[in-house]
Amino acid sequence: MAAGKKKKGPRQAAGLQCSDCKSFGYITEYNKNNEILKKQTTNESTFPLNKFCSVCRKRTAHKLMKKLK
């Protein structure tokens, strides 16, 4: 696979930001189509996720942020 080639499909890269200290610790992908369907049917969302924050040194909720810093 060539470097820098754009991926096809509904998966989008997103950053996860700690809700306590506002630091970015994780980069992940999620399927935008599945997220839209989940909100329409059950009115729930996959995010926020509980992840370990290396700055806070504890498990906290991490929100989805579109802008990767």
PDB file of N, CA and C in Angstrom:
ATOM      1  N   MET A   1       0.840  -1.170   0.000  1.00  0.00           N
ATOM      2  CA  MET A   1       0.000   0.000   0.000  1.00  0.00           C
ATOM      3  C   MET A   1       0.886   1.233   0.000  1.00  0.00           C
ATOM      4  N   ALA A   2       0.588   2.170  -0.844  1.00  0.00           N
ATOM      5  CA  ALA A   2       1.402   3.373  -0.975  1.00  0.00           C
ATOM      6  C   ALA A   2       1.192   4.295   0.223  1.00  0.00           C
ATOM      7  N   ALA A   3       2.262   4.936   0.645  1.00  0.00           N
ATOM      8  CA  ALA A   3       2.181   5.857   1.772  1.00  0.00           C
ATOM      9  C   ALA A   3       1.394   7.100   1.371  1.00  0.00           C
ATOM     10  N   GLY A   4       0.558   7.569   2.266  1.00  0.00           N
ATOM     11  CA  GLY A   4      -0.218   8.771   2.010  1.00  0.00           C
ATOM     12  C   GLY A   4      -1.466   8.541   1.186  1.00  0.00           C
ATOM     13  N   LYS A   5      -1.807   7.296   0.926  1.00  0.00           N
ATOM     14  CA  LYS A   5      -2.999   7.003   0.136  1.00  0.00           C
ATOM     15  C   LYS A   5      -4.239   7.165   1.017  1.00  0.00           C
ATOM     16  N   LYS A   6      -5.241   7.846   0.490  1.00  0.00           N
ATOM     17  CA  LYS A   6      -6.446   8.101   1.248  1.00  0.00           C
ATOM     18  C   LYS A   6      -7.279   6.832   1.381  1.00  0.00           C
ATOM     19  N   LYS A   7      -7.776   6.585   2.595  1.00  0.00           N
ATOM     20  CA  LYS A   7      -8.635   5.426   2.833  1.00  0.00           C
ATOM     21  C   LYS A   7     -10.034   5.722   2.332  1.00  0.00           C
ATOM     22  N   LYS A   8     -10.681   4.695   1.848  1.00  0.00           N
ATOM     23  CA  LYS A   8     -12.053   4.825   1.388  1.00  0.00           C
ATOM     24  C   LYS A   8     -12.984   4.254   2.441  1.00  0.00           C
ATOM     25  N   GLY A   9     -14.174   4.799   2.519  1.00  0.00           N
ATOM     26  CA  GLY A   9     -15.167   4.256   3.430  1.00  0.00           C
ATOM     27  C   GLY A   9     -15.560   5.249   4.507  1.00  0.00           C
ATOM     28  N   PRO A  10     -16.482   4.830   5.375  1.00  0.00           N
ATOM     29  CA  PRO A  10     -17.045   5.732   6.374  1.00  0.00           C
ATOM     30  C   PRO A  10     -16.206   5.893   7.642  1.00  0.00           C
ATOM     31  N   ARG A  11     -15.072   5.175   7.755  1.00  0.00           N
ATOM     32  CA  ARG A  11     -14.269   5.269   8.969  1.00  0.00           C
ATOM     33  C   ARG A  11     -13.515   6.592   9.010  1.00  0.00           C
ATOM     34  N   GLN A  12     -13.560   7.265  10.172  1.00  0.00           N
ATOM     35  CA  GLN A  12     -12.906   8.546  10.330  1.00  0.00           C
ATOM     36  C   GLN A  12     -11.951   8.513  11.511  1.00  0.00           C
ATOM     37  N   ALA A  13     -10.822   9.174  11.363  1.00  0.00           N
ATOM     38  CA  ALA A  13      -9.877   9.302  12.470  1.00  0.00           C
ATOM     39  C   ALA A  13     -10.371  10.398  13.405  1.00  0.00           C
ATOM     40  N   ALA A  14     -10.191  10.173  14.698  1.00  0.00           N
ATOM     41  CA  ALA A  14     -10.624  11.153  15.687  1.00  0.00           C
ATOM     42  C   ALA A  14      -9.711  11.062  16.898  1.00  0.00           C
ATOM     43  N   GLY A  15      -9.577  12.179  17.590  1.00  0.00           N
ATOM     44  CA  GLY A  15      -8.791  12.213  18.816  1.00  0.00           C
ATOM     45  C   GLY A  15      -9.698  12.116  20.018  1.00  0.00           C
ATOM     46  N   LEU A  16      -9.178  11.531  21.099  1.00  0.00           N
ATOM     47  CA  LEU A  16      -9.931  11.444  22.340  1.00  0.00           C
ATOM     48  C   LEU A  16      -9.299  12.387  23.351  1.00  0.00           C
ATOM     49  N   GLN A  17     -10.116  13.268  23.942  1.00  0.00           N
ATOM     50  CA  GLN A  17      -9.642  14.270  24.870  1.00  0.00           C
ATOM     51  C   GLN A  17     -10.172  13.965  26.262  1.00  0.00           C
ATOM     52  N   CYS A  18      -9.289  14.028  27.253  1.00  0.00           N
ATOM     53  CA  CYS A  18      -9.674  13.788  28.644  1.00  0.00           C
ATOM     54  C   CYS A  18     -10.647  14.870  29.089  1.00  0.00           C
ATOM     55  N   SER A  19     -11.724  14.474  29.753  1.00  0.00           N
ATOM     56  CA  SER A  19     -12.727  15.456  30.185  1.00  0.00           C
ATOM     57  C   SER A  19     -12.267  16.227  31.422  1.00  0.00           C
ATOM     58  N   ASP A  20     -11.292  15.700  32.167  1.00  0.00           N
ATOM     59  CA  ASP A  20     -10.803  16.393  33.363  1.00  0.00           C
ATOM     60  C   ASP A  20      -9.705  17.408  33.039  1.00  0.00           C
ATOM     61  N   CYS A  21      -8.613  16.944  32.428  1.00  0.00           N
ATOM     62  CA  CYS A  21      -7.458  17.824  32.205  1.00  0.00           C
ATOM     63  C   CYS A  21      -7.358  18.339  30.776  1.00  0.00           C
ATOM     64  N   LYS A  22      -8.239  17.906  29.886  1.00  0.00           N
ATOM     65  CA  LYS A  22      -8.307  18.366  28.489  1.00  0.00           C
ATOM     66  C   LYS A  22      -7.073  18.005  27.656  1.00  0.00           C
ATOM     67  N   SER A  23      -6.351  16.970  28.033  1.00  0.00           N
ATOM     68  CA  SER A  23      -5.189  16.549  27.246  1.00  0.00           C
ATOM     69  C   SER A  23      -5.600  15.460  26.254  1.00  0.00           C
ATOM     70  N   PHE A  24      -4.907  15.437  25.112  1.00  0.00           N
ATOM     71  CA  PHE A  24      -5.162  14.429  24.090  1.00  0.00           C
ATOM     72  C   PHE A  24      -4.237  13.247  24.345  1.00  0.00           C
ATOM     73  N   GLY A  25      -4.811  12.052  24.501  1.00  0.00           N
ATOM     74  CA  GLY A  25      -3.987  10.895  24.799  1.00  0.00           C
ATOM     75  C   GLY A  25      -4.152   9.761  23.804  1.00  0.00           C
ATOM     76  N   TYR A  26      -5.231   9.767  23.041  1.00  0.00           N
ATOM     77  CA  TYR A  26      -5.518   8.648  22.157  1.00  0.00           C
ATOM     78  C   TYR A  26      -5.983   9.142  20.799  1.00  0.00           C
ATOM     79  N   ILE A  27      -5.642   8.382  19.767  1.00  0.00           N
ATOM     80  CA  ILE A  27      -6.170   8.588  18.423  1.00  0.00           C
ATOM     81  C   ILE A  27      -6.838   7.290  18.023  1.00  0.00           C
ATOM     82  N   THR A  28      -8.054   7.379  17.531  1.00  0.00           N
ATOM     83  CA  THR A  28      -8.811   6.184  17.191  1.00  0.00           C
ATOM     84  C   THR A  28      -9.595   6.418  15.910  1.00  0.00           C
ATOM     85  N   GLU A  29     -10.200   5.368  15.412  1.00  0.00           N
ATOM     86  CA  GLU A  29     -11.088   5.456  14.254  1.00  0.00           C
ATOM     87  C   GLU A  29     -12.469   5.007  14.680  1.00  0.00           C
ATOM     88  N   TYR A  30     -13.468   5.584  14.053  1.00  0.00           N
ATOM     89  CA  TYR A  30     -14.834   5.130  14.301  1.00  0.00           C
ATOM     90  C   TYR A  30     -15.618   5.186  13.008  1.00  0.00           C
ATOM     91  N   ASN A  31     -16.658   4.364  12.930  1.00  0.00           N
ATOM     92  CA  ASN A  31     -17.489   4.288  11.746  1.00  0.00           C
ATOM     93  C   ASN A  31     -18.621   5.298  11.895  1.00  0.00           C
ATOM     94  N   LYS A  32     -18.584   6.335  11.076  1.00  0.00           N
ATOM     95  CA  LYS A  32     -19.564   7.417  11.183  1.00  0.00           C
ATOM     96  C   LYS A  32     -20.981   6.928  10.885  1.00  0.00           C
ATOM     97  N   ASN A  33     -21.134   6.008   9.935  1.00  0.00           N
ATOM     98  CA  ASN A  33     -22.463   5.492   9.597  1.00  0.00           C
ATOM     99  C   ASN A  33     -23.081   4.736  10.771  1.00  0.00           C
ATOM    100  N   ASN A  34     -22.292   3.902  11.441  1.00  0.00           N
ATOM    101  CA  ASN A  34     -22.803   3.161  12.591  1.00  0.00           C
ATOM    102  C   ASN A  34     -23.179   4.106  13.727  1.00  0.00           C
ATOM    103  N   GLU A  35     -22.411   5.167  13.897  1.00  0.00           N
ATOM    104  CA  GLU A  35     -22.685   6.135  14.958  1.00  0.00           C
ATOM    105  C   GLU A  35     -24.006   6.857  14.701  1.00  0.00           C
ATOM    106  N   ILE A  36     -24.265   7.222  13.450  1.00  0.00           N
ATOM    107  CA  ILE A  36     -25.521   7.894  13.099  1.00  0.00           C
ATOM    108  C   ILE A  36     -26.708   6.962  13.319  1.00  0.00           C
ATOM    109  N   LEU A  37     -26.576   5.692  12.901  1.00  0.00           N
ATOM    110  CA  LEU A  37     -27.661   4.722  13.098  1.00  0.00           C
ATOM    111  C   LEU A  37     -27.941   4.481  14.575  1.00  0.00           C
ATOM    112  N   LYS A  38     -26.892   4.411  15.373  1.00  0.00           N
ATOM    113  CA  LYS A  38     -27.053   4.167  16.798  1.00  0.00           C
ATOM    114  C   LYS A  38     -27.804   5.317  17.466  1.00  0.00           C
ATOM    115  N   LYS A  39     -27.510   6.562  17.066  1.00  0.00           N
ATOM    116  CA  LYS A  39     -28.210   7.714  17.635  1.00  0.00           C
ATOM    117  C   LYS A  39     -29.673   7.738  17.218  1.00  0.00           C
ATOM    118  N   GLN A  40     -29.972   7.321  15.983  1.00  0.00           N
ATOM    119  CA  GLN A  40     -31.346   7.337  15.505  1.00  0.00           C
ATOM    120  C   GLN A  40     -32.197   6.276  16.184  1.00  0.00           C
ATOM    121  N   THR A  41     -31.639   5.093  16.411  1.00  0.00           N
ATOM    122  CA  THR A  41     -32.434   3.996  16.953  1.00  0.00           C
ATOM    123  C   THR A  41     -32.538   4.026  18.469  1.00  0.00           C
ATOM    124  N   THR A  42     -31.408   4.177  19.166  1.00  0.00           N
ATOM    125  CA  THR A  42     -31.434   4.091  20.633  1.00  0.00           C
ATOM    126  C   THR A  42     -31.138   5.406  21.322  1.00  0.00           C
ATOM    127  N   ASN A  43     -30.820   6.452  20.560  1.00  0.00           N
ATOM    128  CA  ASN A  43     -30.484   7.775  21.097  1.00  0.00           C
ATOM    129  C   ASN A  43     -29.291   7.708  22.052  1.00  0.00           C
ATOM    130  N   GLU A  44     -28.354   6.798  21.802  1.00  0.00           N
ATOM    131  CA  GLU A  44     -27.133   6.662  22.589  1.00  0.00           C
ATOM    132  C   GLU A  44     -25.943   6.903  21.683  1.00  0.00           C
ATOM    133  N   SER A  45     -24.784   7.030  22.293  1.00  0.00           N
ATOM    134  CA  SER A  45     -23.559   7.241  21.548  1.00  0.00           C
ATOM    135  C   SER A  45     -22.462   6.343  22.101  1.00  0.00           C
ATOM    136  N   THR A  46     -21.462   6.037  21.279  1.00  0.00           N
ATOM    137  CA  THR A  46     -20.319   5.239  21.717  1.00  0.00           C
ATOM    138  C   THR A  46     -19.422   6.043  22.641  1.00  0.00           C
ATOM    139  N   PHE A  47     -19.370   7.344  22.420  1.00  0.00           N
ATOM    140  CA  PHE A  47     -18.480   8.206  23.186  1.00  0.00           C
ATOM    141  C   PHE A  47     -19.270   8.956  24.233  1.00  0.00           C
ATOM    142  N   PRO A  48     -18.738   9.261  25.398  1.00  0.00           N
ATOM    143  CA  PRO A  48     -17.359   9.180  25.857  1.00  0.00           C
ATOM    144  C   PRO A  48     -16.962   7.768  26.291  1.00  0.00           C
ATOM    145  N   LEU A  49     -15.678   7.484  26.149  1.00  0.00           N
ATOM    146  CA  LEU A  49     -15.102   6.211  26.562  1.00  0.00           C
ATOM    147  C   LEU A  49     -14.287   6.415  27.833  1.00  0.00           C
ATOM    148  N   ASN A  50     -14.283   5.427  28.715  1.00  0.00           N
ATOM    149  CA  ASN A  50     -13.418   5.474  29.888  1.00  0.00           C
ATOM    150  C   ASN A  50     -12.054   4.919  29.508  1.00  0.00           C
ATOM    151  N   LYS A  51     -11.046   5.794  29.561  1.00  0.00           N
ATOM    152  CA  LYS A  51      -9.675   5.421  29.212  1.00  0.00           C
ATOM    153  C   LYS A  51      -8.752   5.937  30.299  1.00  0.00           C
ATOM    154  N   PHE A  52      -7.523   5.395  30.324  1.00  0.00           N
ATOM    155  CA  PHE A  52      -6.529   5.850  31.281  1.00  0.00           C
ATOM    156  C   PHE A  52      -5.868   7.118  30.771  1.00  0.00           C
ATOM    157  N   CYS A  53      -5.832   8.151  31.586  1.00  0.00           N
ATOM    158  CA  CYS A  53      -5.163   9.408  31.233  1.00  0.00           C
ATOM    159  C   CYS A  53      -3.811   9.434  31.926  1.00  0.00           C
ATOM    160  N   SER A  54      -2.741   9.580  31.136  1.00  0.00           N
ATOM    161  CA  SER A  54      -1.398   9.567  31.707  1.00  0.00           C
ATOM    162  C   SER A  54      -1.079  10.858  32.460  1.00  0.00           C
ATOM    163  N   VAL A  55      -1.798  11.935  32.188  1.00  0.00           N
ATOM    164  CA  VAL A  55      -1.579  13.193  32.900  1.00  0.00           C
ATOM    165  C   VAL A  55      -2.271  13.151  34.267  1.00  0.00           C
ATOM    166  N   CYS A  56      -3.534  12.731  34.283  1.00  0.00           N
ATOM    167  CA  CYS A  56      -4.292  12.615  35.535  1.00  0.00           C
ATOM    168  C   CYS A  56      -3.880  11.382  36.338  1.00  0.00           C
ATOM    169  N   ARG A  57      -3.343  10.384  35.661  1.00  0.00           N
ATOM    170  CA  ARG A  57      -2.942   9.100  36.230  1.00  0.00           C
ATOM    171  C   ARG A  57      -4.134   8.355  36.836  1.00  0.00           C
ATOM    172  N   LYS A  58      -5.277   8.397  36.117  1.00  0.00           N
ATOM    173  CA  LYS A  58      -6.457   7.639  36.526  1.00  0.00           C
ATOM    174  C   LYS A  58      -7.359   7.449  35.325  1.00  0.00           C
ATOM    175  N   ARG A  59      -8.369   6.598  35.478  1.00  0.00           N
ATOM    176  CA  ARG A  59      -9.334   6.363  34.396  1.00  0.00           C
ATOM    177  C   ARG A  59     -10.369   7.465  34.418  1.00  0.00           C
ATOM    178  N   THR A  60     -10.511   8.129  33.268  1.00  0.00           N
ATOM    179  CA  THR A  60     -11.485   9.202  33.147  1.00  0.00           C
ATOM    180  C   THR A  60     -12.237   9.052  31.834  1.00  0.00           C
ATOM    181  N   ALA A  61     -13.332   9.780  31.697  1.00  0.00           N
ATOM    182  CA  ALA A  61     -14.099   9.787  30.451  1.00  0.00           C
ATOM    183  C   ALA A  61     -13.339  10.614  29.417  1.00  0.00           C
ATOM    184  N   HIS A  62     -13.214  10.072  28.211  1.00  0.00           N
ATOM    185  CA  HIS A  62     -12.549  10.767  27.110  1.00  0.00           C
ATOM    186  C   HIS A  62     -13.594  11.062  26.037  1.00  0.00           C
ATOM    187  N   LYS A  63     -13.685  12.342  25.657  1.00  0.00           N
ATOM    188  CA  LYS A  63     -14.657  12.779  24.661  1.00  0.00           C
ATOM    189  C   LYS A  63     -14.050  12.720  23.271  1.00  0.00           C
ATOM    190  N   LEU A  64     -14.909  12.623  22.298  1.00  0.00           N
ATOM    191  CA  LEU A  64     -14.509  12.596  20.890  1.00  0.00           C
ATOM    192  C   LEU A  64     -14.238  14.013  20.417  1.00  0.00           C
ATOM    193  N   MET A  65     -13.052  14.237  19.861  1.00  0.00           N
ATOM    194  CA  MET A  65     -12.695  15.523  19.285  1.00  0.00           C
ATOM    195  C   MET A  65     -12.273  15.303  17.837  1.00  0.00           C
ATOM    196  N   LYS A  66     -12.864  16.039  16.921  1.00  0.00           N
ATOM    197  CA  LYS A  66     -12.573  15.868  15.511  1.00  0.00           C
ATOM    198  C   LYS A  66     -11.169  16.356  15.168  1.00  0.00           C
ATOM    199  N   LYS A  67     -10.753  17.455  15.791  1.00  0.00           N
ATOM    200  CA  LYS A  67      -9.458  18.042  15.484  1.00  0.00           C
ATOM    201  C   LYS A  67      -8.343  17.255  16.173  1.00  0.00           C
ATOM    202  N   LEU A  68      -7.418  16.769  15.405  1.00  0.00           N
ATOM    203  CA  LEU A  68      -6.281  16.053  15.968  1.00  0.00           C
ATOM    204  C   LEU A  68      -5.166  17.060  16.206  1.00  0.00           C
ATOM    205  N   LYS A  69      -4.695  17.133  17.437  1.00  0.00           N
ATOM    206  CA  LYS A  69      -3.634  18.088  17.763  1.00  0.00           C
ATOM    207  C   LYS A  69      -2.338  17.370  17.985  1.00  0.00           C
TER     208      LYS A  69
END
